[in-house]
Amino acid sequence: MINVDTPTLICVQHIGFVVVDDAIIDAVSREDALRAMTIWAAKASFDEDQKGSIEVGKWADFVVLDRDIMNVEELEVPGTQVEAVYIAGEKIL
């Protein structure tokens, strides 16, 4: 819980976590965030046999990022840039 009696910097980042004095609170793990946008989303729409993971026979829609978002410092994640976009295995950007 945030102590409102002491001044503190609170900033809601655009990717859905809260930063309080450079500490991230109320955030899901990076692994769960990635699963939520990939395999769990595919399962929710009953499309897990076509998308949600990189496997033979699936659509192969994915992006290439400028950094490894699973290993950089948390505060570097929002600055991540997309370097390439692939749809059905074909580069479109």
C-alpha atoms as a PDB file:
ATOM      1  CA  MET A   1       0.000   0.000   0.000  1.00  0.00           C
ATOM      2  CA  ILE A   2       1.205   3.516  -0.780  1.00  0.00           C
ATOM      3  CA  ASN A   3       1.717   5.822   2.188  1.00  0.00           C
ATOM      4  CA  VAL A   4      -0.070   9.035   1.198  1.00  0.00           C
ATOM      5  CA  ASP A   5       1.471  10.992   4.090  1.00  0.00           C
ATOM      6  CA  THR A   6       4.878  11.033   2.445  1.00  0.00           C
ATOM      7  CA  PRO A   7       5.460  12.765  -0.878  1.00  0.00           C
ATOM      8  CA  THR A   8       6.225  10.251  -3.592  1.00  0.00           C
ATOM      9  CA  LEU A   9       6.331  10.160  -7.355  1.00  0.00           C
ATOM     10  CA  ILE A  10       3.618   7.976  -8.831  1.00  0.00           C
ATOM     11  CA  CYS A  11       3.461   7.408 -12.574  1.00  0.00           C
ATOM     12  CA  VAL A  12       1.210   5.004 -14.478  1.00  0.00           C
ATOM     13  CA  GLN A  13       3.162   3.672 -17.421  1.00  0.00           C
ATOM     14  CA  HIS A  14       1.442   3.012 -20.750  1.00  0.00           C
ATOM     15  CA  ILE A  15       2.107  -0.729 -20.539  1.00  0.00           C
ATOM     16  CA  GLY A  16       0.116  -1.190 -17.369  1.00  0.00           C
ATOM     17  CA  PHE A  17       2.274  -1.072 -14.281  1.00  0.00           C
ATOM     18  CA  VAL A  18       2.743   1.545 -11.598  1.00  0.00           C
ATOM     19  CA  VAL A  19       6.101   3.106 -10.704  1.00  0.00           C
ATOM     20  CA  VAL A  20       6.530   4.553  -7.216  1.00  0.00           C
ATOM     21  CA  ASP A  21       9.933   6.110  -6.535  1.00  0.00           C
ATOM     22  CA  ASP A  22      11.507   3.923  -9.264  1.00  0.00           C
ATOM     23  CA  ALA A  23      10.008   0.728  -7.793  1.00  0.00           C
ATOM     24  CA  ILE A  24       7.473  -1.196  -9.847  1.00  0.00           C
ATOM     25  CA  ILE A  25       4.404  -2.368  -7.933  1.00  0.00           C
ATOM     26  CA  ASP A  26       1.250  -4.240  -8.906  1.00  0.00           C
ATOM     27  CA  ALA A  27       2.858  -5.753 -11.979  1.00  0.00           C
ATOM     28  CA  VAL A  28       2.511  -9.214 -13.480  1.00  0.00           C
ATOM     29  CA  SER A  29       5.725 -11.053 -14.278  1.00  0.00           C
ATOM     30  CA  ARG A  30       7.251 -10.559 -17.707  1.00  0.00           C
ATOM     31  CA  GLU A  31       6.609 -14.203 -18.484  1.00  0.00           C
ATOM     32  CA  ASP A  32       2.916 -13.894 -17.619  1.00  0.00           C
ATOM     33  CA  ALA A  33       2.627 -10.642 -19.600  1.00  0.00           C
ATOM     34  CA  LEU A  34       4.110 -12.366 -22.660  1.00  0.00           C
ATOM     35  CA  ARG A  35       1.805 -15.373 -22.235  1.00  0.00           C
ATOM     36  CA  ALA A  36      -1.201 -13.045 -21.840  1.00  0.00           C
ATOM     37  CA  MET A  37      -0.467 -11.464 -25.230  1.00  0.00           C
ATOM     38  CA  THR A  38       0.343 -14.745 -26.998  1.00  0.00           C
ATOM     39  CA  ILE A  39      -0.736 -18.242 -26.025  1.00  0.00           C
ATOM     40  CA  TRP A  40      -3.353 -17.245 -23.429  1.00  0.00           C
ATOM     41  CA  ALA A  41      -4.980 -14.812 -25.883  1.00  0.00           C
ATOM     42  CA  ALA A  42      -5.016 -17.538 -28.543  1.00  0.00           C
ATOM     43  CA  LYS A  43      -6.610 -19.989 -26.107  1.00  0.00           C
ATOM     44  CA  ALA A  44      -9.219 -17.397 -25.081  1.00  0.00           C
ATOM     45  CA  SER A  45     -10.299 -17.074 -28.723  1.00  0.00           C
ATOM     46  CA  PHE A  46     -10.047 -20.856 -29.317  1.00  0.00           C
ATOM     47  CA  ASP A  47      -7.269 -20.274 -31.880  1.00  0.00           C
ATOM     48  CA  GLU A  48      -4.361 -21.980 -30.094  1.00  0.00           C
ATOM     49  CA  ASP A  49      -4.033 -24.499 -32.943  1.00  0.00           C
ATOM     50  CA  GLN A  50      -3.335 -21.613 -35.365  1.00  0.00           C
ATOM     51  CA  LYS A  51      -1.525 -18.941 -33.312  1.00  0.00           C
ATOM     52  CA  GLY A  52      -0.151 -17.994 -29.888  1.00  0.00           C
ATOM     53  CA  SER A  53       3.218 -19.737 -30.145  1.00  0.00           C
ATOM     54  CA  ILE A  54       5.926 -20.303 -32.738  1.00  0.00           C
ATOM     55  CA  GLU A  55       5.379 -23.836 -34.018  1.00  0.00           C
ATOM     56  CA  VAL A  56       5.324 -25.641 -37.368  1.00  0.00           C
ATOM     57  CA  GLY A  57       1.939 -25.175 -39.015  1.00  0.00           C
ATOM     58  CA  LYS A  58       0.985 -21.996 -37.149  1.00  0.00           C
ATOM     59  CA  TRP A  59       0.616 -18.519 -38.643  1.00  0.00           C
ATOM     60  CA  ALA A  60       4.033 -17.137 -37.623  1.00  0.00           C
ATOM     61  CA  ASP A  61       2.857 -13.616 -36.748  1.00  0.00           C
ATOM     62  CA  PHE A  62       5.538 -11.963 -34.619  1.00  0.00           C
ATOM     63  CA  VAL A  63       7.637  -8.844 -34.078  1.00  0.00           C
ATOM     64  CA  VAL A  64      11.384  -8.283 -33.726  1.00  0.00           C
ATOM     65  CA  LEU A  65      12.237  -5.805 -30.956  1.00  0.00           C
ATOM     66  CA  ASP A  66      15.340  -3.664 -30.439  1.00  0.00           C
ATOM     67  CA  ARG A  67      16.037  -5.248 -27.038  1.00  0.00           C
ATOM     68  CA  ASP A  68      15.362  -8.384 -25.037  1.00  0.00           C
ATOM     69  CA  ILE A  69      12.358  -7.273 -22.988  1.00  0.00           C
ATOM     70  CA  MET A  70      12.665 -10.349 -20.807  1.00  0.00           C
ATOM     71  CA  ASN A  71      16.106  -9.294 -19.504  1.00  0.00           C
ATOM     72  CA  VAL A  72      16.451  -5.481 -19.622  1.00  0.00           C
ATOM     73  CA  GLU A  73      15.795  -3.287 -16.585  1.00  0.00           C
ATOM     74  CA  GLU A  74      12.065  -2.836 -15.982  1.00  0.00           C
ATOM     75  CA  LEU A  75      12.171   0.905 -16.618  1.00  0.00           C
ATOM     76  CA  GLU A  76      13.702   0.271 -20.084  1.00  0.00           C
ATOM     77  CA  VAL A  77      10.756  -1.820 -21.305  1.00  0.00           C
ATOM     78  CA  PRO A  78       8.467   1.123 -22.244  1.00  0.00           C
ATOM     79  CA  GLY A  79      11.165   2.500 -24.575  1.00  0.00           C
ATOM     80  CA  THR A  80      11.275  -0.686 -26.648  1.00  0.00           C
ATOM     81  CA  GLN A  81      11.032  -0.139 -30.396  1.00  0.00           C
ATOM     82  CA  VAL A  82       9.721  -2.541 -33.046  1.00  0.00           C
ATOM     83  CA  GLU A  83      12.358  -3.325 -35.678  1.00  0.00           C
ATOM     84  CA  ALA A  84      10.330  -5.704 -37.855  1.00  0.00           C
ATOM     85  CA  VAL A  85       6.824  -7.150 -38.134  1.00  0.00           C
ATOM     86  CA  TYR A  86       6.047 -10.549 -39.676  1.00  0.00           C
ATOM     87  CA  ILE A  87       2.563 -11.686 -40.667  1.00  0.00           C
ATOM     88  CA  ALA A  88       2.120 -15.312 -41.764  1.00  0.00           C
ATOM     89  CA  GLY A  89       5.897 -15.565 -41.870  1.00  0.00           C
ATOM     90  CA  GLU A  90       6.329 -12.655 -44.310  1.00  0.00           C
ATOM     91  CA  LYS A  91       8.090  -9.435 -43.301  1.00  0.00           C
ATOM     92  CA  ILE A  92       5.738  -6.462 -43.709  1.00  0.00           C
ATOM     93  CA  LEU A  93       7.722  -3.794 -41.812  1.00  0.00           C
END
